[in-house]
């Protein structure tokens, strides 16, 4: 009886925290670093609500939200490219960096453009939303909550860095435009993390922000990880030549995104997306293609890691 009560309280607490956008420290993660495992293997052997920490090949990682850059040195990922430029001495400031170019050229007008479905006549509601209100079809929170989450993250970043940026300026690092001051701040943040990890190594912690985090995306037998936290750290490790990056998974709902579940994704059910546009977004992210790339039929990435 007591064990059943504990399970019910545990489940209730986790669900309440998820509904509030809070990640509970449910347990120390199941640490599978150093092993070659499929993420689902870790999922099934972990304890109830226990997150899993595994080494993920950088080719299977997707970064910067909807931009979905593969986290490899050759992908054109602006964070990684900027760090490579810095390491070789090609750039020493924000101006003229790959980061500067990214924020100048990637300035979506609305959520539909940010997600790469602006040409879909069934996604007119997304055209009335701001880029910061963009949600993925499988997200459980609504556009308003997405905007509030981003505002909170930006405000926390400003506090930690002891800076003040106008509330009217964009400070969300997934897209531009960025003012010169905001761009320089983002560049300095990236370089600071790079130098710290290069000098001291990568040190994770069992804290809320102590890991690089990601969401598992499944397409038949193939998989990739969409990075949801630790974008800078992931980019630094890739720029430093790491073939794999330790990623924490299964820590917050939704735990796994399956392509075949498209019809049941929350924002397909509520009509914000139709099936076609939802699958289009999933396939593009899975393939590691950017929203501004125009390809009619996405192709799956080659499964080289098993």
Protein backbone atom coordinates (compact mmCIF):
# COMPACT_ATOMS: atom_id res chain seq x y z
CA UNK A 1 0.00 0.00 0.00
CA UNK A 2 2.78 2.39 0.97
CA UNK A 3 4.72 1.73 -2.24
CA UNK A 4 1.62 2.33 -4.32
CA UNK A 5 1.03 5.64 -2.53
CA UNK A 6 4.64 6.70 -3.18
CA UNK A 7 4.22 5.88 -6.87
CA UNK A 8 1.05 7.93 -7.13
CA UNK A 9 2.61 10.94 -5.37
CA UNK A 10 5.73 10.64 -7.51
CA UNK A 11 3.70 10.54 -10.72
CA UNK A 12 1.50 13.45 -9.60
CA UNK A 13 4.51 15.61 -8.69
CA UNK A 14 6.22 14.96 -12.02
CA UNK A 15 3.09 15.74 -14.03
CA UNK A 16 2.41 18.91 -12.03
CA UNK A 17 5.98 20.10 -12.59
CA UNK A 18 5.76 19.35 -16.31
CA UNK A 19 2.52 21.33 -16.58
CA UNK A 20 4.28 24.29 -14.99
CA UNK A 21 7.29 23.99 -17.27
CA UNK A 22 9.53 22.89 -14.40
CA UNK A 23 12.01 20.04 -14.59
CA UNK A 24 12.24 18.05 -11.38
CA UNK A 25 15.50 16.44 -10.30
CA UNK A 26 13.76 13.05 -10.36
CA UNK A 27 16.89 11.00 -9.84
CA UNK A 28 20.52 10.83 -10.80
CA UNK A 29 20.60 9.83 -14.44
CA UNK A 30 21.35 6.36 -15.63
CA UNK A 31 24.88 7.00 -16.85
CA UNK A 32 25.59 5.01 -20.00
CA UNK A 33 28.48 7.13 -21.23
CA UNK A 34 31.27 5.11 -22.75
CA UNK A 35 28.86 2.54 -24.18
CA UNK A 36 27.49 2.32 -27.70
CA UNK A 37 23.75 2.08 -27.07
CA UNK A 38 20.54 3.01 -28.82
CA UNK A 39 18.67 5.64 -26.77
CA UNK A 40 15.66 3.32 -26.53
CA UNK A 41 17.81 0.74 -24.80
CA UNK A 42 18.57 3.26 -22.08
CA UNK A 43 14.92 4.27 -21.90
CA UNK A 44 13.77 0.73 -21.18
CA UNK A 45 16.39 -0.15 -18.58
CA UNK A 46 16.14 3.11 -16.62
CA UNK A 47 14.01 3.35 -13.50
CA UNK A 48 10.67 5.13 -13.47
CA UNK A 49 11.13 8.79 -14.45
CA UNK A 50 14.91 8.36 -14.42
CA UNK A 51 16.69 10.38 -17.12
CA UNK A 52 19.40 8.73 -19.18
CA UNK A 53 22.84 10.10 -20.03
CA UNK A 54 24.45 8.70 -23.19
CA UNK A 55 27.17 9.63 -25.65
CA UNK A 56 25.57 10.72 -28.92
CA UNK A 57 27.49 11.07 -32.23
CA UNK A 58 27.51 14.74 -33.25
CA UNK A 59 26.13 13.74 -36.66
CA UNK A 60 22.91 12.68 -34.91
CA UNK A 61 22.47 15.97 -33.05
CA UNK A 62 20.34 18.86 -34.33
CA UNK A 63 20.93 22.34 -32.94
CA UNK A 64 19.44 25.86 -32.84
CA UNK A 65 15.79 24.93 -32.75
CA UNK A 66 14.01 24.91 -36.08
CA UNK A 67 17.25 25.77 -37.88
CA UNK A 68 18.17 22.13 -37.15
CA UNK A 69 21.87 22.32 -37.97
CA UNK A 70 23.69 19.00 -37.58
CA UNK A 71 26.20 19.58 -34.78
CA UNK A 72 29.22 18.71 -36.91
CA UNK A 73 32.15 21.00 -37.78
CA UNK A 74 31.30 20.91 -41.49
CA UNK A 75 27.55 21.59 -41.21
CA UNK A 76 27.70 25.38 -41.26
CA UNK A 77 26.28 25.59 -37.73
CA UNK A 78 26.97 29.27 -36.89
CA UNK A 79 28.07 28.61 -33.30
CA UNK A 80 30.52 25.89 -34.35
CA UNK A 81 31.73 27.86 -37.37
CA UNK A 82 32.37 30.94 -35.23
CA UNK A 83 34.38 28.89 -32.74
CA UNK A 84 36.47 27.37 -35.52
CA UNK A 85 37.10 30.87 -36.88
CA UNK A 86 38.10 32.06 -33.42
CA UNK A 87 40.43 29.10 -32.82
CA UNK A 88 42.28 29.68 -36.10
CA UNK A 89 42.50 33.43 -35.54
CA UNK A 90 40.25 34.28 -38.48
CA UNK A 91 37.95 36.40 -36.29
CA UNK A 92 38.38 38.07 -32.95
CA UNK A 93 35.10 39.93 -32.70
CA UNK A 94 31.42 39.51 -33.42
CA UNK A 95 31.53 41.71 -36.51
CA UNK A 96 32.29 39.62 -39.56
CA UNK A 97 31.86 36.30 -37.75
CA UNK A 98 29.67 33.40 -38.89
CA UNK A 99 27.39 34.29 -35.97
CA UNK A 100 27.02 37.85 -37.29
CA UNK A 101 26.18 36.54 -40.76
CA UNK A 102 23.62 34.09 -39.36
CA UNK A 103 21.72 36.77 -37.44
CA UNK A 104 21.82 39.12 -40.41
CA UNK A 105 20.41 36.57 -42.84
CA UNK A 106 18.04 34.47 -40.71
CA UNK A 107 15.29 36.85 -39.64
CA UNK A 108 11.93 35.04 -39.90
CA UNK A 109 8.92 37.32 -40.00
CA UNK A 110 6.55 34.92 -38.25
CA UNK A 111 6.21 31.41 -36.80
CA UNK A 112 5.34 29.88 -40.18
CA UNK A 113 8.57 31.13 -41.74
CA UNK A 114 10.58 30.10 -38.68
CA UNK A 115 9.25 26.55 -39.03
CA UNK A 116 9.65 26.48 -42.81
CA UNK A 117 5.96 26.07 -43.68
CA UNK A 118 5.09 29.61 -44.79
CA UNK A 119 4.03 28.31 -48.24
CA UNK A 120 1.49 25.88 -46.77
CA UNK A 121 -2.03 27.27 -47.09
CA UNK A 122 -3.15 25.14 -44.14
CA UNK A 123 -0.80 26.98 -41.72
CA UNK A 124 -2.29 30.48 -41.91
CA UNK A 125 -2.65 30.66 -38.11
CA UNK A 126 1.12 30.35 -37.78
CA UNK A 127 1.57 33.44 -39.95
CA UNK A 128 -0.09 35.56 -37.28
CA UNK A 129 2.29 34.31 -34.57
CA UNK A 130 5.71 35.75 -33.79
CA UNK A 131 8.79 33.58 -34.27
CA UNK A 132 9.17 33.42 -30.47
CA UNK A 133 5.67 31.94 -30.29
CA UNK A 134 6.49 29.10 -32.68
CA UNK A 135 5.83 25.63 -31.30
CA UNK A 136 6.61 22.28 -32.86
CA UNK A 137 3.61 20.10 -33.77
CA UNK A 138 4.56 17.65 -30.99
CA UNK A 139 4.98 20.25 -28.24
CA UNK A 140 2.47 20.08 -25.39
CA UNK A 141 2.55 23.80 -24.54
CA UNK A 142 0.78 26.51 -26.53
CA UNK A 143 2.36 29.51 -28.35
CA UNK A 144 1.75 31.85 -25.42
CA UNK A 145 3.55 29.51 -23.03
CA UNK A 146 6.40 29.15 -25.52
CA UNK A 147 6.83 32.93 -25.60
CA UNK A 148 6.77 33.08 -21.78
CA UNK A 149 9.39 30.31 -21.54
CA UNK A 150 11.68 32.17 -23.93
CA UNK A 151 11.21 35.45 -22.07
CA UNK A 152 12.12 33.72 -18.81
CA UNK A 153 15.24 32.15 -20.33
CA UNK A 154 16.33 35.47 -21.82
CA UNK A 155 15.76 37.34 -18.56
CA UNK A 156 17.72 34.74 -16.62
CA UNK A 157 20.57 35.07 -19.09
CA UNK A 158 20.58 38.84 -18.72
CA UNK A 159 20.69 38.56 -14.93
CA UNK A 160 23.53 36.01 -14.95
CA UNK A 161 25.58 38.16 -17.31
CA UNK A 162 24.77 41.43 -15.47
CA UNK A 163 23.57 43.18 -18.62
CA UNK A 164 20.47 45.01 -19.71
CA UNK A 165 19.11 44.76 -23.22
CA UNK A 166 15.98 46.65 -24.26
CA UNK A 167 12.86 44.55 -23.89
CA UNK A 168 12.05 45.40 -27.51
CA UNK A 169 15.27 43.81 -28.77
CA UNK A 170 15.50 40.18 -29.76
CA UNK A 171 17.82 38.20 -27.48
CA UNK A 172 16.72 34.69 -28.45
CA UNK A 173 19.78 33.09 -30.01
CA UNK A 174 17.89 30.91 -32.52
CA UNK A 175 17.38 33.75 -35.03
CA UNK A 176 17.94 37.44 -35.79
CA UNK A 177 17.82 40.32 -36.03
CA UNK A 178 20.33 41.04 -33.29
CA UNK A 179 21.53 44.51 -32.39
CA UNK A 180 25.28 45.01 -32.37
CA UNK A 181 25.27 45.02 -28.55
CA UNK A 182 23.22 41.82 -28.31
CA UNK A 183 25.35 40.15 -30.98
CA UNK A 184 28.57 41.02 -29.19
CA UNK A 185 27.16 39.67 -25.94
CA UNK A 186 26.21 36.37 -27.57
CA UNK A 187 29.65 36.14 -29.19
CA UNK A 188 31.39 36.78 -25.86
CA UNK A 189 29.23 34.19 -24.14
CA UNK A 190 30.12 31.59 -26.75
CA UNK A 191 33.85 32.35 -26.62
CA UNK A 192 33.86 32.36 -22.81
CA UNK A 193 32.31 28.88 -22.68
CA UNK A 194 34.74 27.68 -25.33
CA UNK A 195 37.80 28.87 -23.41
CA UNK A 196 36.49 27.47 -20.13
CA UNK A 197 35.87 23.99 -21.53
CA UNK A 198 39.10 24.02 -23.50
CA UNK A 199 41.10 24.88 -20.38
CA UNK A 200 39.18 22.87 -17.77
CA UNK A 201 37.41 20.15 -19.69
CA UNK A 202 33.68 19.55 -19.87
CA UNK A 203 32.23 19.15 -16.37
CA UNK A 204 28.59 18.12 -16.09
CA UNK A 205 26.55 18.32 -12.87
CA UNK A 206 23.38 16.77 -11.47
CA UNK A 207 21.59 20.11 -11.53
CA UNK A 208 18.77 21.56 -13.62
CA UNK A 209 21.17 23.15 -16.11
CA UNK A 210 24.06 20.75 -15.57
CA UNK A 211 23.75 18.81 -18.83
CA UNK A 212 23.28 19.15 -22.54
CA UNK A 213 19.70 17.99 -23.06
CA UNK A 214 17.86 16.60 -26.03
CA UNK A 215 14.65 15.02 -27.28
CA UNK A 216 14.70 11.70 -29.10
CA UNK A 217 13.15 11.72 -32.58
CA UNK A 218 12.40 8.31 -34.16
CA UNK A 219 11.79 7.51 -37.84
CA UNK A 220 11.33 3.77 -38.23
CA UNK A 221 14.65 2.27 -37.05
CA UNK A 222 16.58 5.52 -37.41
CA UNK A 223 16.94 8.30 -34.86
CA UNK A 224 18.34 11.72 -34.07
CA UNK A 225 18.40 14.04 -31.06
CA UNK A 226 17.00 17.58 -31.17
CA UNK A 227 19.03 19.61 -28.65
CA UNK A 228 16.73 21.38 -26.19
CA UNK A 229 19.31 22.73 -23.73
CA UNK A 230 23.04 23.40 -23.76
CA UNK A 231 23.33 24.68 -27.33
CA UNK A 232 26.59 26.52 -26.57
CA UNK A 233 28.22 23.60 -24.75
CA UNK A 234 27.30 21.17 -27.49
CA UNK A 235 28.79 23.49 -30.12
CA UNK A 236 31.98 23.92 -28.11
CA UNK A 237 32.52 20.18 -27.76
CA UNK A 238 32.01 19.70 -31.49
CA UNK A 239 34.39 22.55 -32.33
CA UNK A 240 36.99 20.96 -30.04
CA UNK A 241 36.84 17.81 -32.12
CA UNK A 242 34.61 15.56 -30.01
CA UNK A 243 33.01 12.81 -32.10
CA UNK A 244 30.35 12.24 -29.43
CA UNK A 245 28.66 14.47 -26.89
CA UNK A 246 27.04 13.38 -23.59
CA UNK A 247 23.32 14.18 -23.75
CA UNK A 248 20.66 13.86 -21.06
CA UNK A 249 17.36 12.45 -22.32
CA UNK A 250 13.93 11.41 -21.02
CA UNK A 251 13.92 14.16 -18.39
CA UNK A 252 10.77 16.00 -19.44
CA UNK A 253 7.67 15.41 -21.57
CA UNK A 254 7.38 14.72 -24.45
CA UNK A 255 9.92 11.95 -23.94
CA UNK A 256 10.03 10.50 -27.45
CA UNK A 257 8.78 11.91 -30.77
CA UNK A 258 7.75 9.15 -33.18
CA UNK A 259 7.07 10.08 -36.80
CA UNK A 260 4.25 7.55 -37.07
CA UNK A 261 2.43 9.27 -34.18
CA UNK A 262 1.93 12.44 -36.21
CA UNK A 263 -1.87 12.32 -36.12
CA UNK A 264 -1.75 12.33 -32.31
CA UNK A 265 0.69 15.21 -31.80
CA UNK A 266 -1.00 17.93 -29.70
CA UNK A 267 -0.90 20.71 -32.29
CA UNK A 268 -2.05 18.46 -35.08
CA UNK A 269 -5.02 17.44 -32.94
CA UNK A 270 -5.87 21.09 -32.12
CA UNK A 271 -5.57 22.11 -35.79
CA UNK A 272 -2.59 24.45 -35.60
CA UNK A 273 -0.82 22.12 -38.07
CA UNK A 274 -2.18 19.73 -40.64
CA UNK A 275 -0.54 16.32 -41.03
CA UNK A 276 1.40 17.31 -44.13
CA UNK A 277 3.06 20.36 -42.59
CA UNK A 278 3.75 18.52 -39.32
CA UNK A 279 5.52 15.69 -41.14
CA UNK A 280 7.37 18.22 -43.29
CA UNK A 281 8.80 19.87 -40.17
CA UNK A 282 9.74 16.55 -38.58
CA UNK A 283 11.45 15.29 -41.75
CA UNK A 284 13.40 18.50 -42.28
CA UNK A 285 14.72 18.55 -38.71
CA UNK A 286 15.51 14.85 -38.86
CA UNK A 287 17.48 15.39 -42.09
CA UNK A 288 19.30 18.39 -40.59
CA UNK A 289 18.01 20.83 -43.20
CA UNK A 290 17.31 24.50 -42.54
CA UNK A 291 13.88 26.16 -43.01
CA UNK A 292 15.13 28.35 -45.84
CA UNK A 293 16.19 25.36 -47.90
CA UNK A 294 13.62 24.45 -50.54
CA UNK A 295 13.51 20.72 -51.16
CA UNK A 296 10.35 18.95 -52.23
CA UNK A 297 10.96 15.53 -50.74
CA UNK A 298 13.10 15.16 -47.61
CA UNK A 299 15.36 12.14 -47.53
CA UNK A 300 16.28 10.25 -44.40
CA UNK A 301 19.85 10.52 -43.18
CA UNK A 302 21.96 7.45 -43.67
CA UNK A 303 21.96 5.20 -40.64
CA UNK A 304 25.67 4.73 -39.98
CA UNK A 305 25.68 4.43 -36.20
CA UNK A 306 23.20 1.63 -35.54
